[in-house]
Amino acid sequence: MAQDDTSKDNGHEHGPLVTITVDTKTYKIHRGHQTVVEIKTIGGVPLAFELEQLVDGKLTPLPDDGAVTLKGGEVFLSHPKDGGAS
């Protein structure tokens, strides 16, 4: 019966909870491999927005179909995607 609790997240829970920052707010998420969509969902970021990770003082855009290995302390920022419709 305990399997039901661990199987509902499709294996995304790889390790203990760590803290990440999304748009200046901190969130707890499982350490390890997490998709960009999962990080957006945890941080309340609209799926239509772009998510970037602050790495060594530089913002690195993350593709919606990408993933990040979380160790704790990561910082992410979101913003509306640039729409080239003019």
PDB file of N, CA and C in Angstrom:
ATOM      1  N   MET A   1       0.805  -1.193   0.000  1.00  0.00           N
ATOM      2  CA  MET A   1       0.000   0.000   0.000  1.00  0.00           C
ATOM      3  C   MET A   1       0.853   1.264   0.000  1.00  0.00           C
ATOM      4  N   ALA A   2       2.014   1.214   0.562  1.00  0.00           N
ATOM      5  CA  ALA A   2       2.871   2.389   0.605  1.00  0.00           C
ATOM      6  C   ALA A   2       3.364   2.765  -0.782  1.00  0.00           C
ATOM      7  N   GLN A   3       3.337   1.829  -1.730  1.00  0.00           N
ATOM      8  CA  GLN A   3       3.794   2.116  -3.079  1.00  0.00           C
ATOM      9  C   GLN A   3       2.960   3.211  -3.734  1.00  0.00           C
ATOM     10  N   ASP A   4       1.681   3.304  -3.410  1.00  0.00           N
ATOM     11  CA  ASP A   4       0.828   4.314  -4.020  1.00  0.00           C
ATOM     12  C   ASP A   4       1.348   5.721  -3.748  1.00  0.00           C
ATOM     13  N   ASP A   5       1.912   5.961  -2.567  1.00  0.00           N
ATOM     14  CA  ASP A   5       2.410   7.283  -2.218  1.00  0.00           C
ATOM     15  C   ASP A   5       3.617   7.672  -3.055  1.00  0.00           C
ATOM     16  N   THR A   6       4.470   6.717  -3.396  1.00  0.00           N
ATOM     17  CA  THR A   6       5.689   7.054  -4.122  1.00  0.00           C
ATOM     18  C   THR A   6       5.505   6.996  -5.630  1.00  0.00           C
ATOM     19  N   SER A   7       4.514   6.292  -6.115  1.00  0.00           N
ATOM     20  CA  SER A   7       4.381   6.120  -7.554  1.00  0.00           C
ATOM     21  C   SER A   7       3.629   7.260  -8.227  1.00  0.00           C
ATOM     22  N   LYS A   8       2.924   8.093  -7.487  1.00  0.00           N
ATOM     23  CA  LYS A   8       2.093   9.098  -8.135  1.00  0.00           C
ATOM     24  C   LYS A   8       2.893  10.216  -8.785  1.00  0.00           C
ATOM     25  N   ASP A   9       4.167  10.382  -8.467  1.00  0.00           N
ATOM     26  CA  ASP A   9       4.979  11.420  -9.084  1.00  0.00           C
ATOM     27  C   ASP A   9       5.855  10.873 -10.203  1.00  0.00           C
ATOM     28  N   ASN A  10       5.578   9.675 -10.658  1.00  0.00           N
ATOM     29  CA  ASN A  10       6.271   9.077 -11.801  1.00  0.00           C
ATOM     30  C   ASN A  10       7.787   9.073 -11.658  1.00  0.00           C
ATOM     31  N   GLY A  11       8.289   8.883 -10.458  1.00  0.00           N
ATOM     32  CA  GLY A  11       9.725   8.735 -10.273  1.00  0.00           C
ATOM     33  C   GLY A  11      10.506  10.023 -10.204  1.00  0.00           C
ATOM     34  N   HIS A  12       9.849  11.179 -10.141  1.00  0.00           N
ATOM     35  CA  HIS A  12      10.569  12.446 -10.097  1.00  0.00           C
ATOM     36  C   HIS A  12      11.173  12.723  -8.722  1.00  0.00           C
ATOM     37  N   GLU A  13      10.730  12.015  -7.711  1.00  0.00           N
ATOM     38  CA  GLU A  13      11.262  12.236  -6.369  1.00  0.00           C
ATOM     39  C   GLU A  13      12.515  11.395  -6.199  1.00  0.00           C
ATOM     40  N   HIS A  14      13.676  12.021  -6.425  1.00  0.00           N
ATOM     41  CA  HIS A  14      14.930  11.276  -6.419  1.00  0.00           C
ATOM     42  C   HIS A  14      15.681  11.387  -5.112  1.00  0.00           C
ATOM     43  N   GLY A  15      15.469  12.427  -4.350  1.00  0.00           N
ATOM     44  CA  GLY A  15      16.259  12.593  -3.147  1.00  0.00           C
ATOM     45  C   GLY A  15      15.523  13.437  -2.127  1.00  0.00           C
ATOM     46  N   PRO A  16      16.252  13.866  -1.116  1.00  0.00           N
ATOM     47  CA  PRO A  16      15.637  14.684  -0.069  1.00  0.00           C
ATOM     48  C   PRO A  16      15.229  16.047  -0.619  1.00  0.00           C
ATOM     49  N   LEU A  17      14.396  16.740   0.124  1.00  0.00           N
ATOM     50  CA  LEU A  17      13.970  18.067  -0.291  1.00  0.00           C
ATOM     51  C   LEU A  17      15.117  19.060  -0.189  1.00  0.00           C
ATOM     52  N   VAL A  18      15.221  19.934  -1.197  1.00  0.00           N
ATOM     53  CA  VAL A  18      16.190  21.024  -1.194  1.00  0.00           C
ATOM     54  C   VAL A  18      15.421  22.308  -1.477  1.00  0.00           C
ATOM     55  N   THR A  19      16.065  23.433  -1.243  1.00  0.00           N
ATOM     56  CA  THR A  19      15.435  24.730  -1.463  1.00  0.00           C
ATOM     57  C   THR A  19      15.947  25.338  -2.761  1.00  0.00           C
ATOM     58  N   ILE A  20      15.007  25.815  -3.585  1.00  0.00           N
ATOM     59  CA  ILE A  20      15.356  26.577  -4.780  1.00  0.00           C
ATOM     60  C   ILE A  20      14.613  27.903  -4.707  1.00  0.00           C
ATOM     61  N   THR A  21      15.045  28.870  -5.492  1.00  0.00           N
ATOM     62  CA  THR A  21      14.387  30.170  -5.547  1.00  0.00           C
ATOM     63  C   THR A  21      13.838  30.386  -6.948  1.00  0.00           C
ATOM     64  N   VAL A  22      12.552  30.731  -7.013  1.00  0.00           N
ATOM     65  CA  VAL A  22      11.911  31.057  -8.283  1.00  0.00           C
ATOM     66  C   VAL A  22      11.289  32.442  -8.115  1.00  0.00           C
ATOM     67  N   ASP A  23      11.783  33.407  -8.876  1.00  0.00           N
ATOM     68  CA  ASP A  23      11.265  34.776  -8.813  1.00  0.00           C
ATOM     69  C   ASP A  23      11.249  35.321  -7.385  1.00  0.00           C
ATOM     70  N   THR A  24      12.344  35.196  -6.690  1.00  0.00           N
ATOM     71  CA  THR A  24      12.600  35.714  -5.335  1.00  0.00           C
ATOM     72  C   THR A  24      11.857  34.970  -4.219  1.00  0.00           C
ATOM     73  N   LYS A  25      11.094  33.936  -4.537  1.00  0.00           N
ATOM     74  CA  LYS A  25      10.416  33.143  -3.509  1.00  0.00           C
ATOM     75  C   LYS A  25      11.080  31.777  -3.415  1.00  0.00           C
ATOM     76  N   THR A  26      11.210  31.263  -2.198  1.00  0.00           N
ATOM     77  CA  THR A  26      11.842  29.961  -2.019  1.00  0.00           C
ATOM     78  C   THR A  26      10.796  28.847  -2.009  1.00  0.00           C
ATOM     79  N   TYR A  27      11.208  27.712  -2.548  1.00  0.00           N
ATOM     80  CA  TYR A  27      10.334  26.534  -2.635  1.00  0.00           C
ATOM     81  C   TYR A  27      11.142  25.301  -2.286  1.00  0.00           C
ATOM     82  N   LYS A  28      10.460  24.301  -1.735  1.00  0.00           N
ATOM     83  CA  LYS A  28      11.059  23.001  -1.462  1.00  0.00           C
ATOM     84  C   LYS A  28      10.714  22.064  -2.607  1.00  0.00           C
ATOM     85  N   ILE A  29      11.720  21.357  -3.093  1.00  0.00           N
ATOM     86  CA  ILE A  29      11.537  20.421  -4.202  1.00  0.00           C
ATOM     87  C   ILE A  29      12.527  19.280  -4.004  1.00  0.00           C
ATOM     88  N   HIS A  30      12.228  18.129  -4.546  1.00  0.00           N
ATOM     89  CA  HIS A  30      13.126  16.991  -4.371  1.00  0.00           C
ATOM     90  C   HIS A  30      14.415  17.189  -5.148  1.00  0.00           C
ATOM     91  N   ARG A  31      15.518  16.871  -4.495  1.00  0.00           N
ATOM     92  CA  ARG A  31      16.837  16.948  -5.118  1.00  0.00           C
ATOM     93  C   ARG A  31      16.912  15.960  -6.269  1.00  0.00           C
ATOM     94  N   GLY A  32      17.669  16.316  -7.295  1.00  0.00           N
ATOM     95  CA  GLY A  32      17.861  15.407  -8.424  1.00  0.00           C
ATOM     96  C   GLY A  32      17.283  15.985  -9.698  1.00  0.00           C
ATOM     97  N   HIS A  33      16.999  15.104 -10.632  1.00  0.00           N
ATOM     98  CA  HIS A  33      16.532  15.469 -11.972  1.00  0.00           C
ATOM     99  C   HIS A  33      15.092  15.970 -11.909  1.00  0.00           C
ATOM    100  N   GLN A  34      14.866  17.219 -12.347  1.00  0.00           N
ATOM    101  CA  GLN A  34      13.519  17.790 -12.396  1.00  0.00           C
ATOM    102  C   GLN A  34      13.335  18.469 -13.751  1.00  0.00           C
ATOM    103  N   THR A  35      12.166  18.335 -14.323  1.00  0.00           N
ATOM    104  CA  THR A  35      11.901  18.971 -15.605  1.00  0.00           C
ATOM    105  C   THR A  35      11.654  20.461 -15.413  1.00  0.00           C
ATOM    106  N   VAL A  36      11.852  21.212 -16.490  1.00  0.00           N
ATOM    107  CA  VAL A  36      11.582  22.644 -16.458  1.00  0.00           C
ATOM    108  C   VAL A  36      10.099  22.883 -16.159  1.00  0.00           C
ATOM    109  N   VAL A  37       9.230  22.073 -16.720  1.00  0.00           N
ATOM    110  CA  VAL A  37       7.792  22.208 -16.468  1.00  0.00           C
ATOM    111  C   VAL A  37       7.487  21.996 -14.986  1.00  0.00           C
ATOM    112  N   GLU A  38       8.152  21.027 -14.354  1.00  0.00           N
ATOM    113  CA  GLU A  38       7.937  20.770 -12.923  1.00  0.00           C
ATOM    114  C   GLU A  38       8.388  21.970 -12.090  1.00  0.00           C
ATOM    115  N   ILE A  39       9.512  22.566 -12.444  1.00  0.00           N
ATOM    116  CA  ILE A  39      10.009  23.745 -11.714  1.00  0.00           C
ATOM    117  C   ILE A  39       9.044  24.912 -11.892  1.00  0.00           C
ATOM    118  N   LYS A  40       8.532  25.091 -13.106  1.00  0.00           N
ATOM    119  CA  LYS A  40       7.544  26.150 -13.349  1.00  0.00           C
ATOM    120  C   LYS A  40       6.297  25.911 -12.488  1.00  0.00           C
ATOM    121  N   THR A  41       5.841  24.670 -12.435  1.00  0.00           N
ATOM    122  CA  THR A  41       4.644  24.329 -11.671  1.00  0.00           C
ATOM    123  C   THR A  41       4.852  24.607 -10.182  1.00  0.00           C
ATOM    124  N   ILE A  42       5.980  24.157  -9.633  1.00  0.00           N
ATOM    125  CA  ILE A  42       6.286  24.383  -8.207  1.00  0.00           C
ATOM    126  C   ILE A  42       6.333  25.880  -7.904  1.00  0.00           C
ATOM    127  N   GLY A  43       6.935  26.653  -8.826  1.00  0.00           N
ATOM    128  CA  GLY A  43       7.116  28.086  -8.604  1.00  0.00           C
ATOM    129  C   GLY A  43       5.947  28.954  -9.025  1.00  0.00           C
ATOM    130  N   GLY A  44       4.869  28.344  -9.510  1.00  0.00           N
ATOM    131  CA  GLY A  44       3.707  29.120  -9.920  1.00  0.00           C
ATOM    132  C   GLY A  44       3.956  29.961 -11.167  1.00  0.00           C
ATOM    133  N   VAL A  45       4.878  29.511 -12.011  1.00  0.00           N
ATOM    134  CA  VAL A  45       5.220  30.234 -13.235  1.00  0.00           C
ATOM    135  C   VAL A  45       4.291  29.756 -14.351  1.00  0.00           C
ATOM    136  N   PRO A  46       3.638  30.691 -15.059  1.00  0.00           N
ATOM    137  CA  PRO A  46       2.796  30.268 -16.183  1.00  0.00           C
ATOM    138  C   PRO A  46       3.623  29.478 -17.201  1.00  0.00           C
ATOM    139  N   LEU A  47       3.048  28.418 -17.743  1.00  0.00           N
ATOM    140  CA  LEU A  47       3.777  27.582 -18.687  1.00  0.00           C
ATOM    141  C   LEU A  47       4.172  28.354 -19.948  1.00  0.00           C
ATOM    142  N   ALA A  48       3.473  29.439 -20.255  1.00  0.00           N
ATOM    143  CA  ALA A  48       3.788  30.245 -21.438  1.00  0.00           C
ATOM    144  C   ALA A  48       5.010  31.142 -21.219  1.00  0.00           C
ATOM    145  N   PHE A  49       5.450  31.291 -19.970  1.00  0.00           N
ATOM    146  CA  PHE A  49       6.609  32.132 -19.660  1.00  0.00           C
ATOM    147  C   PHE A  49       7.909  31.380 -19.907  1.00  0.00           C
ATOM    148  N   GLU A  50       8.980  32.137 -20.093  1.00  0.00           N
ATOM    149  CA  GLU A  50      10.310  31.546 -20.195  1.00  0.00           C
ATOM    150  C   GLU A  50      10.908  31.463 -18.796  1.00  0.00           C
ATOM    151  N   LEU A  51      11.635  30.387 -18.534  1.00  0.00           N
ATOM    152  CA  LEU A  51      12.324  30.212 -17.259  1.00  0.00           C
ATOM    153  C   LEU A  51      13.823  30.224 -17.526  1.00  0.00           C
ATOM    154  N   GLU A  52      14.544  31.013 -16.734  1.00  0.00           N
ATOM    155  CA  GLU A  52      15.993  31.087 -16.862  1.00  0.00           C
ATOM    156  C   GLU A  52      16.622  30.752 -15.519  1.00  0.00           C
ATOM    157  N   GLN A  53      17.809  30.170 -15.571  1.00  0.00           N
ATOM    158  CA  GLN A  53      18.541  29.816 -14.364  1.00  0.00           C
ATOM    159  C   GLN A  53      19.748  30.733 -14.246  1.00  0.00           C
ATOM    160  N   LEU A  54      19.963  31.251 -13.040  1.00  0.00           N
ATOM    161  CA  LEU A  54      21.125  32.087 -12.771  1.00  0.00           C
ATOM    162  C   LEU A  54      22.308  31.167 -12.473  1.00  0.00           C
ATOM    163  N   VAL A  55      23.306  31.173 -13.381  1.00  0.00           N
ATOM    164  CA  VAL A  55      24.479  30.310 -13.251  1.00  0.00           C
ATOM    165  C   VAL A  55      25.713  31.193 -13.369  1.00  0.00           C
ATOM    166  N   ASP A  56      26.528  31.242 -12.321  1.00  0.00           N
ATOM    167  CA  ASP A  56      27.753  32.041 -12.321  1.00  0.00           C
ATOM    168  C   ASP A  56      27.487  33.495 -12.704  1.00  0.00           C
ATOM    169  N   GLY A  57      26.385  34.048 -12.206  1.00  0.00           N
ATOM    170  CA  GLY A  57      26.069  35.451 -12.446  1.00  0.00           C
ATOM    171  C   GLY A  57      25.436  35.739 -13.796  1.00  0.00           C
ATOM    172  N   LYS A  58      25.150  34.709 -14.587  1.00  0.00           N
ATOM    173  CA  LYS A  58      24.548  34.895 -15.913  1.00  0.00           C
ATOM    174  C   LYS A  58      23.252  34.109 -15.999  1.00  0.00           C
ATOM    175  N   LEU A  59      22.263  34.692 -16.683  1.00  0.00           N
ATOM    176  CA  LEU A  59      20.994  34.003 -16.887  1.00  0.00           C
ATOM    177  C   LEU A  59      21.098  33.061 -18.082  1.00  0.00           C
ATOM    178  N   THR A  60      20.709  31.818 -17.854  1.00  0.00           N
ATOM    179  CA  THR A  60      20.746  30.792 -18.889  1.00  0.00           C
ATOM    180  C   THR A  60      19.315  30.352 -19.182  1.00  0.00           C
ATOM    181  N   PRO A  61      18.800  30.607 -20.411  1.00  0.00           N
ATOM    182  CA  PRO A  61      17.435  30.172 -20.745  1.00  0.00           C
ATOM    183  C   PRO A  61      17.305  28.650 -20.691  1.00  0.00           C
ATOM    184  N   LEU A  62      16.178  28.191 -20.182  1.00  0.00           N
ATOM    185  CA  LEU A  62      15.917  26.748 -20.095  1.00  0.00           C
ATOM    186  C   LEU A  62      14.788  26.392 -21.051  1.00  0.00           C
ATOM    187  N   PRO A  63      14.996  25.414 -21.925  1.00  0.00           N
ATOM    188  CA  PRO A  63      13.926  25.013 -22.847  1.00  0.00           C
ATOM    189  C   PRO A  63      12.796  24.316 -22.094  1.00  0.00           C
ATOM    190  N   ASP A  64      11.575  24.520 -22.567  1.00  0.00           N
ATOM    191  CA  ASP A  64      10.416  23.916 -21.898  1.00  0.00           C
ATOM    192  C   ASP A  64      10.509  22.397 -21.831  1.00  0.00           C
ATOM    193  N   ASP A  65      11.183  21.785 -22.799  1.00  0.00           N
ATOM    194  CA  ASP A  65      11.296  20.324 -22.790  1.00  0.00           C
ATOM    195  C   ASP A  65      12.590  19.859 -22.125  1.00  0.00           C
ATOM    196  N   GLY A  66      13.275  20.769 -21.437  1.00  0.00           N
ATOM    197  CA  GLY A  66      14.539  20.442 -20.784  1.00  0.00           C
ATOM    198  C   GLY A  66      14.354  20.020 -19.334  1.00  0.00           C
ATOM    199  N   ALA A  67      15.481  19.784 -18.681  1.00  0.00           N
ATOM    200  CA  ALA A  67      15.484  19.374 -17.286  1.00  0.00           C
ATOM    201  C   ALA A  67      16.745  19.903 -16.614  1.00  0.00           C
ATOM    202  N   VAL A  68      16.705  19.938 -15.291  1.00  0.00           N
ATOM    203  CA  VAL A  68      17.817  20.437 -14.489  1.00  0.00           C
ATOM    204  C   VAL A  68      18.071  19.432 -13.371  1.00  0.00           C
ATOM    205  N   THR A  69      19.335  19.234 -13.021  1.00  0.00           N
ATOM    206  CA  THR A  69      19.669  18.417 -11.856  1.00  0.00           C
ATOM    207  C   THR A  69      19.837  19.364 -10.675  1.00  0.00           C
ATOM    208  N   LEU A  70      18.918  19.281  -9.728  1.00  0.00           N
ATOM    209  CA  LEU A  70      18.915  20.181  -8.578  1.00  0.00           C
ATOM    210  C   LEU A  70      19.759  19.620  -7.444  1.00  0.00           C
ATOM    211  N   LYS A  71      20.583  20.489  -6.872  1.00  0.00           N
ATOM    212  CA  LYS A  71      21.393  20.129  -5.710  1.00  0.00           C
ATOM    213  C   LYS A  71      21.012  20.967  -4.507  1.00  0.00           C
ATOM    214  N   GLY A  72      20.245  22.025  -4.746  1.00  0.00           N
ATOM    215  CA  GLY A  72      19.840  22.950  -3.695  1.00  0.00           C
ATOM    216  C   GLY A  72      20.517  24.293  -3.893  1.00  0.00           C
ATOM    217  N   GLY A  73      19.768  25.368  -3.678  1.00  0.00           N
ATOM    218  CA  GLY A  73      20.307  26.706  -3.801  1.00  0.00           C
ATOM    219  C   GLY A  73      20.206  27.309  -5.191  1.00  0.00           C
ATOM    220  N   GLU A  74      19.636  26.596  -6.149  1.00  0.00           N
ATOM    221  CA  GLU A  74      19.515  27.134  -7.506  1.00  0.00           C
ATOM    222  C   GLU A  74      18.539  28.309  -7.519  1.00  0.00           C
ATOM    223  N   VAL A  75      18.802  29.244  -8.441  1.00  0.00           N
ATOM    224  CA  VAL A  75      17.972  30.439  -8.580  1.00  0.00           C
ATOM    225  C   VAL A  75      17.432  30.485 -10.005  1.00  0.00           C
ATOM    226  N   PHE A  76      16.114  30.679 -10.107  1.00  0.00           N
ATOM    227  CA  PHE A  76      15.441  30.738 -11.400  1.00  0.00           C
ATOM    228  C   PHE A  76      14.631  32.030 -11.486  1.00  0.00           C
ATOM    229  N   LEU A  77      14.559  32.591 -12.678  1.00  0.00           N
ATOM    230  CA  LEU A  77      13.758  33.789 -12.936  1.00  0.00           C
ATOM    231  C   LEU A  77      12.874  33.522 -14.140  1.00  0.00           C
ATOM    232  N   SER A  78      11.657  34.065 -14.088  1.00  0.00           N
ATOM    233  CA  SER A  78      10.738  33.881 -15.208  1.00  0.00           C
ATOM    234  C   SER A  78      10.346  35.223 -15.785  1.00  0.00           C
ATOM    235  N   HIS A  79       9.914  35.185 -17.045  1.00  0.00           N
ATOM    236  CA  HIS A  79       9.415  36.387 -17.720  1.00  0.00           C
ATOM    237  C   HIS A  79       8.638  35.940 -18.949  1.00  0.00           C
ATOM    238  N   PRO A  80       7.753  36.811 -19.452  1.00  0.00           N
ATOM    239  CA  PRO A  80       7.037  36.449 -20.670  1.00  0.00           C
ATOM    240  C   PRO A  80       8.022  36.187 -21.803  1.00  0.00           C
ATOM    241  N   LYS A  81       7.716  35.206 -22.619  1.00  0.00           N
ATOM    242  CA  LYS A  81       8.583  34.905 -23.760  1.00  0.00           C
ATOM    243  C   LYS A  81       8.520  36.061 -24.745  1.00  0.00           C
ATOM    244  N   ASP A  82       9.657  36.307 -25.396  1.00  0.00           N
ATOM    245  CA  ASP A  82       9.689  37.328 -26.437  1.00  0.00           C
ATOM    246  C   ASP A  82       8.835  36.849 -27.592  1.00  0.00           C
ATOM    247  N   GLY A  83       7.833  37.639 -27.925  1.00  0.00           N
ATOM    248  CA  GLY A  83       7.004  37.268 -29.059  1.00  0.00           C
ATOM    249  C   GLY A  83       7.417  38.049 -30.283  1.00  0.00           C
ATOM    250  N   GLY A  84       7.844  37.457 -31.313  1.00  0.00           N
ATOM    251  CA  GLY A  84       8.343  38.165 -32.479  1.00  0.00           C
ATOM    252  C   GLY A  84       7.252  38.605 -33.434  1.00  0.00           C
ATOM    253  N   ALA A  85       6.021  38.746 -32.973  1.00  0.00           N
ATOM    254  CA  ALA A  85       4.916  39.108 -33.857  1.00  0.00           C
ATOM    255  C   ALA A  85       4.804  40.615 -33.984  1.00  0.00           C
ATOM    256  N   SER A  86       5.307  41.151 -35.082  1.00  0.00           N
ATOM    257  CA  SER A  86       5.157  42.581 -35.304  1.00  0.00           C
ATOM    258  C   SER A  86       4.857  42.889 -36.740  1.00  0.00           C
TER     259      SER A  86
END
